[in-house]
Protein backbone atom coordinates (compact mmCIF):
# COMPACT_ATOMS: atom_id res chain seq x y z
CA UNK A 1 23.23 16.99 3.87
CA UNK A 2 23.83 12.84 2.99
CA UNK A 3 25.80 11.31 0.61
CA UNK A 4 25.38 7.61 -0.12
CA UNK A 5 27.63 5.42 -2.60
CA UNK A 6 26.47 2.03 -3.74
CA UNK A 7 28.87 -0.76 -4.73
CA UNK A 8 28.94 -4.24 -5.48
CA UNK A 9 26.75 -4.98 -7.94
CA UNK A 10 27.64 -7.79 -10.81
CA UNK A 11 26.61 -10.48 -13.25
CA UNK A 12 25.66 -13.53 -11.35
CA UNK A 13 24.20 -17.04 -12.41
CA UNK A 14 21.16 -18.33 -11.15
CA UNK A 15 21.28 -19.65 -7.73
CA UNK A 16 24.49 -17.41 -6.71
CA UNK A 17 25.24 -14.83 -4.52
CA UNK A 18 26.12 -11.45 -3.79
CA UNK A 19 26.78 -8.43 -1.17
CA UNK A 20 25.79 -5.30 -2.19
CA UNK A 21 27.43 -2.15 0.48
CA UNK A 22 26.43 1.37 1.09
CA UNK A 23 28.72 3.95 2.48
CA UNK A 24 26.80 6.98 3.62
CA UNK A 25 28.89 10.36 4.58
CA UNK A 26 28.22 13.90 5.82
CA UNK A 27 25.75 14.30 8.30
CA UNK A 28 25.11 10.83 10.56
CA UNK A 29 22.60 8.46 9.35
CA UNK A 30 22.46 6.40 12.63
CA UNK A 31 19.14 7.68 13.52
CA UNK A 32 17.70 7.18 9.86
CA UNK A 33 15.73 4.25 8.40
CA UNK A 34 17.55 2.88 5.39
CA UNK A 35 16.50 0.72 2.89
CA UNK A 36 17.38 -0.62 -0.46
CA UNK A 37 15.08 -0.33 -3.49
CA UNK A 38 15.32 -1.72 -6.71
CA UNK A 39 14.25 -0.80 -10.15
CA UNK A 40 14.03 -3.11 -13.20
CA UNK A 41 13.76 -1.76 -17.08
CA UNK A 42 9.86 -1.12 -17.69
CA UNK A 43 8.78 -1.43 -13.75
CA UNK A 44 8.22 0.64 -10.69
CA UNK A 45 10.93 1.24 -7.92
CA UNK A 46 10.26 -0.60 -5.19
CA UNK A 47 11.12 -1.63 -1.76
CA UNK A 48 13.40 -4.52 -1.20
CA UNK A 49 14.39 -4.46 2.70
CA UNK A 50 14.24 -1.87 5.45
CA UNK A 51 15.98 -1.29 8.58
CA UNK A 52 15.27 1.32 11.42
CA UNK A 53 17.84 2.87 13.48
CA UNK A 54 17.40 0.14 15.75
CA UNK A 55 18.21 -2.69 13.44
CA UNK A 56 14.51 -4.08 13.21
CA UNK A 57 14.17 -5.25 9.94
CA UNK A 58 11.21 -5.65 7.42
CA UNK A 59 11.55 -7.33 3.58
CA UNK A 60 9.16 -7.88 0.04
CA UNK A 61 7.81 -10.85 -0.01
CA UNK A 62 9.43 -11.75 -3.37
CA UNK A 63 12.86 -11.65 -1.41
CA UNK A 64 11.82 -13.23 2.25
CA UNK A 65 14.09 -15.71 3.03
CA UNK A 66 16.63 -15.09 0.71
CA UNK A 67 17.97 -11.60 1.36
CA UNK A 68 19.51 -9.84 4.87
CA UNK A 69 19.77 -6.26 5.43
CA UNK A 70 22.12 -5.11 7.94
CA UNK A 71 23.38 -1.78 8.96
CA UNK A 72 26.81 -0.79 11.09
CA UNK A 73 26.30 2.35 12.74
CA UNK A 74 29.91 2.84 13.83
CA UNK A 75 30.79 2.30 10.18
CA UNK A 76 28.16 4.47 8.66
CA UNK A 77 27.12 1.52 6.22
CA UNK A 78 24.40 -0.45 4.96
CA UNK A 79 24.70 -3.71 3.73
CA UNK A 80 22.58 -6.44 1.71
CA UNK A 81 23.38 -10.07 1.36
CA UNK A 82 21.59 -11.61 -1.61
CA UNK A 83 21.31 -15.51 -1.93
CA UNK A 84 19.89 -17.89 -3.96
CA UNK A 85 19.37 -15.15 -6.87
CA UNK A 86 16.86 -15.42 -9.28
CA UNK A 87 16.45 -13.99 -13.08
CA UNK A 88 13.55 -11.73 -11.45
CA UNK A 89 16.23 -9.83 -9.13
CA UNK A 90 18.03 -8.50 -12.13
CA UNK A 91 17.47 -4.81 -11.35
CA UNK A 92 19.29 -1.55 -10.58
CA UNK A 93 19.77 -1.26 -6.83
CA UNK A 94 19.85 1.87 -4.68
CA UNK A 95 20.55 2.74 -1.03
CA UNK A 96 18.07 4.96 0.48
CA UNK A 97 18.20 6.65 3.52
CA UNK A 98 15.09 8.70 5.23
CA UNK A 99 15.43 11.45 7.61
CA UNK A 100 11.95 11.71 9.51
CA UNK A 101 13.04 14.84 11.18
CA UNK A 102 13.11 16.80 8.11
CA UNK A 103 11.04 14.39 5.61
CA UNK A 104 13.70 14.40 3.57
CA UNK A 105 14.80 11.03 1.22
CA UNK A 106 18.28 10.78 0.11
CA UNK A 107 19.77 8.35 -2.74
CA UNK A 108 22.64 6.71 -3.92
CA UNK A 109 23.63 6.51 -7.84
CA UNK A 110 22.49 2.72 -8.00
CA UNK A 111 24.40 -0.61 -8.53
CA UNK A 112 23.49 -2.94 -11.25
CA UNK A 113 22.71 -6.27 -10.28
CA UNK A 114 22.18 -9.08 -13.54
CA UNK A 115 21.38 -12.79 -12.95
CA UNK A 116 21.73 -14.65 -15.77
CA UNK A 117 23.39 -17.83 -17.39
């Protein structure tokens, strides 16, 4: 069992920056694929960025070049550095861990990011 807790969400102005963090506890998540998802009101939950156990990353086209996902397997943490924020980035952001061996998904409680003037 893995527990995920996100933090760092806030109200920021367009063009600003924000860093989200996720702390994993319980079973080791070092071998899991981890990701950040987001969901805006009235929209489907979408993957923002993904990182595997080796550090390989991939990003949604909408955030490519602006967001950076990273992980620290020693500290069992996942981060998302968000730069040049736009109003379209407004959403609840969720930390996700996927246990491929057992085909299980773990989710954090979400943290609100609001980009507005």
